């Protein structure tokens, strides 16, 4: 930690000089800017400063994070998602149709799939030797995944399973569906697992 006299010197001597140089130039910065502020910052007046910056800068927008203090960029905030979805439009996507995470998602390249299978799935397969069964419309159970239904007419298929061990077997299930049936399956989980971005307002 910094000594008290060092902090006092920096705040009392450096900060005013820096502000005197930066503040007069803010209104000339016509750069798309996203100002992120925590709503519950008890250390500094973050919300007021965010509002001031947005009022002064000609091309700035504000994003307040509910329940966040001075340390705003924690694991609740998906910074990449916040930037992409903000009005500043850094990738010029305003005129593109919105991305549908279900319909627009596709498999990675074949080389990437092979690399993941070799590095992550194969060791677990060798360890537990999983066996897969599927049940046909006649109610008979058969070895393999030949009777798992495929999506038809663009309609998705929901496969419900009781996974074990915190979901580490999810990779085994998904990889088998890809290899045996070419089914582009993805795992779902309770929203609490994916907390990043849920606190954005």
C-alpha atoms as a PDB file:
ATOM      1  CA  UNK A   1       0.000   0.000   0.000  1.00  0.00           C
ATOM      2  CA  UNK A   2       1.088   3.579  -0.635  1.00  0.00           C
ATOM      3  CA  UNK A   3       2.050   5.819   2.280  1.00  0.00           C
ATOM      4  CA  UNK A   4      -0.512   8.452   3.243  1.00  0.00           C
ATOM      5  CA  UNK A   5       1.770  11.361   2.296  1.00  0.00           C
ATOM      6  CA  UNK A   6       2.296   9.863  -1.186  1.00  0.00           C
ATOM      7  CA  UNK A   7      -1.439   9.567  -1.746  1.00  0.00           C
ATOM      8  CA  UNK A   8      -1.962  13.109  -0.448  1.00  0.00           C
ATOM      9  CA  UNK A   9       0.690  14.446  -2.818  1.00  0.00           C
ATOM     10  CA  UNK A  10      -0.713  12.654  -5.850  1.00  0.00           C
ATOM     11  CA  UNK A  11      -4.299  13.680  -5.160  1.00  0.00           C
ATOM     12  CA  UNK A  12      -3.421  17.229  -4.156  1.00  0.00           C
ATOM     13  CA  UNK A  13      -0.690  17.953  -6.716  1.00  0.00           C
ATOM     14  CA  UNK A  14      -0.960  15.580  -9.673  1.00  0.00           C
ATOM     15  CA  UNK A  15      -4.737  15.274 -10.016  1.00  0.00           C
ATOM     16  CA  UNK A  16      -5.542  18.997 -10.389  1.00  0.00           C
ATOM     17  CA  UNK A  17      -2.836  19.386 -13.041  1.00  0.00           C
ATOM     18  CA  UNK A  18      -4.113  16.418 -14.986  1.00  0.00           C
ATOM     19  CA  UNK A  19      -7.733  17.593 -14.771  1.00  0.00           C
ATOM     20  CA  UNK A  20      -6.776  21.069 -15.929  1.00  0.00           C
ATOM     21  CA  UNK A  21      -5.244  19.563 -19.063  1.00  0.00           C
ATOM     22  CA  UNK A  22      -7.890  16.916 -19.819  1.00  0.00           C
ATOM     23  CA  UNK A  23     -11.198  18.589 -18.942  1.00  0.00           C
ATOM     24  CA  UNK A  24     -11.031  21.448 -21.500  1.00  0.00           C
ATOM     25  CA  UNK A  25     -10.416  18.876 -24.250  1.00  0.00           C
ATOM     26  CA  UNK A  26     -13.277  16.517 -23.472  1.00  0.00           C
ATOM     27  CA  UNK A  27     -15.839  18.389 -25.558  1.00  0.00           C
ATOM     28  CA  UNK A  28     -13.600  18.024 -28.613  1.00  0.00           C
ATOM     29  CA  UNK A  29     -13.322  14.219 -28.332  1.00  0.00           C
ATOM     30  CA  UNK A  30     -15.743  12.999 -30.972  1.00  0.00           C
ATOM     31  CA  UNK A  31     -14.750   9.370 -30.393  1.00  0.00           C
ATOM     32  CA  UNK A  32     -17.472   6.775 -29.634  1.00  0.00           C
ATOM     33  CA  UNK A  33     -17.115   6.236 -25.898  1.00  0.00           C
ATOM     34  CA  UNK A  34     -18.805   3.940 -23.398  1.00  0.00           C
ATOM     35  CA  UNK A  35     -18.636   5.213 -19.798  1.00  0.00           C
ATOM     36  CA  UNK A  36     -19.173   2.402 -17.267  1.00  0.00           C
ATOM     37  CA  UNK A  37     -20.010   3.292 -13.664  1.00  0.00           C
ATOM     38  CA  UNK A  38     -21.015   1.386 -10.549  1.00  0.00           C
ATOM     39  CA  UNK A  39     -24.277   2.553  -8.982  1.00  0.00           C
ATOM     40  CA  UNK A  40     -23.091   1.913  -5.420  1.00  0.00           C
ATOM     41  CA  UNK A  41     -19.609   3.452  -5.437  1.00  0.00           C
ATOM     42  CA  UNK A  42     -19.072   4.775  -1.898  1.00  0.00           C
ATOM     43  CA  UNK A  43     -15.456   5.754  -2.538  1.00  0.00           C
ATOM     44  CA  UNK A  44     -15.888   8.308  -5.331  1.00  0.00           C
ATOM     45  CA  UNK A  45     -18.900  10.056  -6.938  1.00  0.00           C
ATOM     46  CA  UNK A  46     -18.762   7.708  -9.916  1.00  0.00           C
ATOM     47  CA  UNK A  47     -22.365   8.177 -11.048  1.00  0.00           C
ATOM     48  CA  UNK A  48     -22.059  11.963 -11.034  1.00  0.00           C
ATOM     49  CA  UNK A  49     -18.763  11.829 -12.918  1.00  0.00           C
ATOM     50  CA  UNK A  50     -20.215   9.431 -15.501  1.00  0.00           C
ATOM     51  CA  UNK A  51     -23.118  11.815 -16.057  1.00  0.00           C
ATOM     52  CA  UNK A  52     -20.723  14.747 -16.388  1.00  0.00           C
ATOM     53  CA  UNK A  53     -18.602  12.945 -18.962  1.00  0.00           C
ATOM     54  CA  UNK A  54     -21.639  11.979 -21.040  1.00  0.00           C
ATOM     55  CA  UNK A  55     -22.935  15.565 -20.905  1.00  0.00           C
ATOM     56  CA  UNK A  56     -19.571  17.002 -21.965  1.00  0.00           C
ATOM     57  CA  UNK A  57     -18.349  14.486 -24.547  1.00  0.00           C
ATOM     58  CA  UNK A  58     -20.294  14.686 -27.813  1.00  0.00           C
ATOM     59  CA  UNK A  59     -20.287  10.970 -28.612  1.00  0.00           C
ATOM     60  CA  UNK A  60     -20.465   9.220 -25.242  1.00  0.00           C
ATOM     61  CA  UNK A  61     -23.062   6.938 -23.651  1.00  0.00           C
ATOM     62  CA  UNK A  62     -23.352   5.719 -20.073  1.00  0.00           C
ATOM     63  CA  UNK A  63     -23.802   2.242 -18.628  1.00  0.00           C
ATOM     64  CA  UNK A  64     -24.497   1.887 -14.901  1.00  0.00           C
ATOM     65  CA  UNK A  65     -23.949  -1.458 -13.197  1.00  0.00           C
ATOM     66  CA  UNK A  66     -26.443  -2.305 -10.467  1.00  0.00           C
ATOM     67  CA  UNK A  67     -25.008  -3.381  -7.137  1.00  0.00           C
ATOM     68  CA  UNK A  68     -21.432  -2.545  -8.132  1.00  0.00           C
ATOM     69  CA  UNK A  69     -19.117  -0.283  -6.186  1.00  0.00           C
ATOM     70  CA  UNK A  70     -15.832   1.334  -7.134  1.00  0.00           C
ATOM     71  CA  UNK A  71     -14.433  -1.941  -8.489  1.00  0.00           C
ATOM     72  CA  UNK A  72     -16.983  -2.199 -11.258  1.00  0.00           C
ATOM     73  CA  UNK A  73     -15.357  -4.601 -13.724  1.00  0.00           C
ATOM     74  CA  UNK A  74     -15.667  -7.790 -11.701  1.00  0.00           C
ATOM     75  CA  UNK A  75     -16.989 -11.160 -12.873  1.00  0.00           C
ATOM     76  CA  UNK A  76     -20.566  -9.840 -13.012  1.00  0.00           C
ATOM     77  CA  UNK A  77     -19.756  -7.640 -15.990  1.00  0.00           C
ATOM     78  CA  UNK A  78     -19.110  -9.076 -19.433  1.00  0.00           C
ATOM     79  CA  UNK A  79     -17.130  -6.133 -20.787  1.00  0.00           C
ATOM     80  CA  UNK A  80     -16.940  -7.479 -24.342  1.00  0.00           C
ATOM     81  CA  UNK A  81     -20.709  -7.976 -24.484  1.00  0.00           C
ATOM     82  CA  UNK A  82     -21.307  -4.521 -22.994  1.00  0.00           C
ATOM     83  CA  UNK A  83     -19.163  -2.855 -25.643  1.00  0.00           C
ATOM     84  CA  UNK A  84     -20.581  -4.819 -28.570  1.00  0.00           C
ATOM     85  CA  UNK A  85     -24.185  -4.195 -27.538  1.00  0.00           C
ATOM     86  CA  UNK A  86     -23.678  -0.530 -26.667  1.00  0.00           C
ATOM     87  CA  UNK A  87     -24.835   2.300 -28.965  1.00  0.00           C
ATOM     88  CA  UNK A  88     -21.234   3.154 -29.827  1.00  0.00           C
ATOM     89  CA  UNK A  89     -21.312   0.225 -32.291  1.00  0.00           C
ATOM     90  CA  UNK A  90     -17.536  -0.409 -32.492  1.00  0.00           C
ATOM     91  CA  UNK A  91     -17.911  -3.103 -35.164  1.00  0.00           C
ATOM     92  CA  UNK A  92     -20.461  -1.278 -37.351  1.00  0.00           C
ATOM     93  CA  UNK A  93     -23.234  -3.805 -36.739  1.00  0.00           C
ATOM     94  CA  UNK A  94     -26.175  -1.381 -36.527  1.00  0.00           C
ATOM     95  CA  UNK A  95     -27.376  -2.266 -40.020  1.00  0.00           C
ATOM     96  CA  UNK A  96     -26.951  -6.025 -39.551  1.00  0.00           C
ATOM     97  CA  UNK A  97     -29.799  -8.240 -38.325  1.00  0.00           C
ATOM     98  CA  UNK A  98     -29.462  -9.145 -34.651  1.00  0.00           C
ATOM     99  CA  UNK A  99     -27.429 -12.236 -33.881  1.00  0.00           C
ATOM    100  CA  UNK A 100     -29.573 -15.200 -32.848  1.00  0.00           C
ATOM    101  CA  UNK A 101     -27.485 -17.372 -30.494  1.00  0.00           C
ATOM    102  CA  UNK A 102     -29.600 -20.411 -31.411  1.00  0.00           C
ATOM    103  CA  UNK A 103     -30.132 -20.176 -35.169  1.00  0.00           C
ATOM    104  CA  UNK A 104     -26.935 -18.335 -36.111  1.00  0.00           C
ATOM    105  CA  UNK A 105     -24.488 -20.432 -34.105  1.00  0.00           C
ATOM    106  CA  UNK A 106     -22.411 -22.970 -35.999  1.00  0.00           C
ATOM    107  CA  UNK A 107     -19.750 -25.517 -35.181  1.00  0.00           C
ATOM    108  CA  UNK A 108     -16.105 -24.469 -35.027  1.00  0.00           C
ATOM    109  CA  UNK A 109     -13.782 -25.678 -37.769  1.00  0.00           C
ATOM    110  CA  UNK A 110     -12.944 -29.354 -38.114  1.00  0.00           C
ATOM    111  CA  UNK A 111      -9.355 -28.848 -36.967  1.00  0.00           C
ATOM    112  CA  UNK A 112     -10.490 -27.013 -33.838  1.00  0.00           C
ATOM    113  CA  UNK A 113     -12.988 -29.760 -33.006  1.00  0.00           C
ATOM    114  CA  UNK A 114     -10.314 -32.434 -33.396  1.00  0.00           C
ATOM    115  CA  UNK A 115      -7.918 -30.477 -31.200  1.00  0.00           C
ATOM    116  CA  UNK A 116     -10.510 -30.097 -28.414  1.00  0.00           C
ATOM    117  CA  UNK A 117     -11.488 -33.764 -28.622  1.00  0.00           C
ATOM    118  CA  UNK A 118      -7.867 -34.837 -28.377  1.00  0.00           C
ATOM    119  CA  UNK A 119      -6.968 -32.444 -25.556  1.00  0.00           C
ATOM    120  CA  UNK A 120     -10.108 -32.417 -23.387  1.00  0.00           C
ATOM    121  CA  UNK A 121     -12.456 -35.263 -24.286  1.00  0.00           C
ATOM    122  CA  UNK A 122     -10.153 -38.171 -25.059  1.00  0.00           C
ATOM    123  CA  UNK A 123      -8.478 -38.249 -21.604  1.00  0.00           C
ATOM    124  CA  UNK A 124     -11.893 -38.390 -19.927  1.00  0.00           C
ATOM    125  CA  UNK A 125     -13.070 -41.088 -22.325  1.00  0.00           C
ATOM    126  CA  UNK A 126     -10.030 -43.169 -21.502  1.00  0.00           C
ATOM    127  CA  UNK A 127     -10.687 -42.664 -17.806  1.00  0.00           C
ATOM    128  CA  UNK A 128     -14.401 -43.526 -17.589  1.00  0.00           C
ATOM    129  CA  UNK A 129     -15.158 -45.458 -20.845  1.00  0.00           C
ATOM    130  CA  UNK A 130     -18.664 -44.010 -21.392  1.00  0.00           C
ATOM    131  CA  UNK A 131     -21.386 -46.097 -23.044  1.00  0.00           C
ATOM    132  CA  UNK A 132     -24.362 -44.475 -24.811  1.00  0.00           C
ATOM    133  CA  UNK A 133     -27.859 -45.801 -25.386  1.00  0.00           C
ATOM    134  CA  UNK A 134     -30.882 -44.288 -27.117  1.00  0.00           C
ATOM    135  CA  UNK A 135     -34.557 -45.258 -27.168  1.00  0.00           C
ATOM    136  CA  UNK A 136     -36.636 -45.457 -30.357  1.00  0.00           C
ATOM    137  CA  UNK A 137     -40.291 -44.541 -30.826  1.00  0.00           C
ATOM    138  CA  UNK A 138     -41.079 -48.221 -30.268  1.00  0.00           C
ATOM    139  CA  UNK A 139     -39.748 -47.922 -26.732  1.00  0.00           C
ATOM    140  CA  UNK A 140     -36.814 -50.224 -27.335  1.00  0.00           C
ATOM    141  CA  UNK A 141     -33.411 -49.213 -26.059  1.00  0.00           C
ATOM    142  CA  UNK A 142     -30.448 -49.654 -28.375  1.00  0.00           C
ATOM    143  CA  UNK A 143     -26.701 -49.222 -28.112  1.00  0.00           C
ATOM    144  CA  UNK A 144     -25.499 -45.899 -29.547  1.00  0.00           C
ATOM    145  CA  UNK A 145     -27.228 -42.622 -30.390  1.00  0.00           C
ATOM    146  CA  UNK A 146     -28.982 -43.650 -33.598  1.00  0.00           C
ATOM    147  CA  UNK A 147     -32.422 -43.006 -32.095  1.00  0.00           C
ATOM    148  CA  UNK A 148     -31.759 -39.528 -30.744  1.00  0.00           C
ATOM    149  CA  UNK A 149     -34.081 -37.268 -32.805  1.00  0.00           C
ATOM    150  CA  UNK A 150     -32.594 -34.697 -35.170  1.00  0.00           C
ATOM    151  CA  UNK A 151     -33.851 -31.190 -35.738  1.00  0.00           C
ATOM    152  CA  UNK A 152     -36.302 -31.025 -38.620  1.00  0.00           C
ATOM    153  CA  UNK A 153     -37.621 -27.971 -40.420  1.00  0.00           C
ATOM    154  CA  UNK A 154     -35.359 -25.680 -38.444  1.00  0.00           C
ATOM    155  CA  UNK A 155     -36.951 -26.685 -35.148  1.00  0.00           C
ATOM    156  CA  UNK A 156     -34.563 -27.273 -32.236  1.00  0.00           C
ATOM    157  CA  UNK A 157     -34.451 -30.438 -30.162  1.00  0.00           C
ATOM    158  CA  UNK A 158     -34.116 -30.281 -26.383  1.00  0.00           C
ATOM    159  CA  UNK A 159     -32.281 -33.215 -24.842  1.00  0.00           C
ATOM    160  CA  UNK A 160     -32.743 -33.369 -21.075  1.00  0.00           C
ATOM    161  CA  UNK A 161     -30.207 -35.344 -19.082  1.00  0.00           C
ATOM    162  CA  UNK A 162     -29.210 -35.827 -15.469  1.00  0.00           C
ATOM    163  CA  UNK A 163     -25.516 -35.103 -15.744  1.00  0.00           C
ATOM    164  CA  UNK A 164     -23.084 -36.025 -13.004  1.00  0.00           C
ATOM    165  CA  UNK A 165     -20.033 -34.567 -11.251  1.00  0.00           C
ATOM    166  CA  UNK A 166     -20.773 -30.887 -11.832  1.00  0.00           C
ATOM    167  CA  UNK A 167     -21.246 -31.273 -15.554  1.00  0.00           C
ATOM    168  CA  UNK A 168     -17.757 -32.534 -16.454  1.00  0.00           C
ATOM    169  CA  UNK A 169     -19.460 -35.260 -18.511  1.00  0.00           C
ATOM    170  CA  UNK A 170     -21.190 -32.662 -20.689  1.00  0.00           C
ATOM    171  CA  UNK A 171     -18.227 -32.670 -23.061  1.00  0.00           C
ATOM    172  CA  UNK A 172     -18.546 -36.437 -23.454  1.00  0.00           C
ATOM    173  CA  UNK A 173     -22.219 -36.165 -24.358  1.00  0.00           C
ATOM    174  CA  UNK A 174     -21.864 -33.243 -26.771  1.00  0.00           C
ATOM    175  CA  UNK A 175     -18.814 -34.663 -28.536  1.00  0.00           C
ATOM    176  CA  UNK A 176     -20.564 -38.013 -29.038  1.00  0.00           C
ATOM    177  CA  UNK A 177     -23.609 -36.290 -30.542  1.00  0.00           C
ATOM    178  CA  UNK A 178     -21.344 -34.381 -32.935  1.00  0.00           C
ATOM    179  CA  UNK A 179     -19.297 -37.407 -33.963  1.00  0.00           C
ATOM    180  CA  UNK A 180     -22.100 -39.981 -34.232  1.00  0.00           C
ATOM    181  CA  UNK A 181     -24.979 -37.862 -35.490  1.00  0.00           C
ATOM    182  CA  UNK A 182     -23.618 -34.491 -36.564  1.00  0.00           C
ATOM    183  CA  UNK A 183     -25.951 -32.864 -34.026  1.00  0.00           C
ATOM    184  CA  UNK A 184     -24.775 -29.401 -32.999  1.00  0.00           C
ATOM    185  CA  UNK A 185     -25.644 -29.697 -29.325  1.00  0.00           C
ATOM    186  CA  UNK A 186     -24.876 -27.116 -26.677  1.00  0.00           C
ATOM    187  CA  UNK A 187     -25.135 -27.324 -22.929  1.00  0.00           C
ATOM    188  CA  UNK A 188     -27.641 -25.284 -20.955  1.00  0.00           C
ATOM    189  CA  UNK A 189     -27.346 -24.298 -17.305  1.00  0.00           C
ATOM    190  CA  UNK A 190     -29.139 -22.252 -14.688  1.00  0.00           C
ATOM    191  CA  UNK A 191     -28.594 -18.474 -15.199  1.00  0.00           C
ATOM    192  CA  UNK A 192     -26.720 -18.259 -11.910  1.00  0.00           C
ATOM    193  CA  UNK A 193     -23.848 -20.111 -13.607  1.00  0.00           C
ATOM    194  CA  UNK A 194     -23.543 -17.346 -16.181  1.00  0.00           C
ATOM    195  CA  UNK A 195     -23.614 -14.331 -13.869  1.00  0.00           C
ATOM    196  CA  UNK A 196     -21.517 -12.055 -16.125  1.00  0.00           C
ATOM    197  CA  UNK A 197     -23.631  -9.294 -17.570  1.00  0.00           C
ATOM    198  CA  UNK A 198     -26.714  -9.960 -15.437  1.00  0.00           C
ATOM    199  CA  UNK A 199     -26.144  -6.822 -13.367  1.00  0.00           C
ATOM    200  CA  UNK A 200     -26.157  -4.435 -16.313  1.00  0.00           C
ATOM    201  CA  UNK A 201     -28.861  -1.824 -16.449  1.00  0.00           C
END
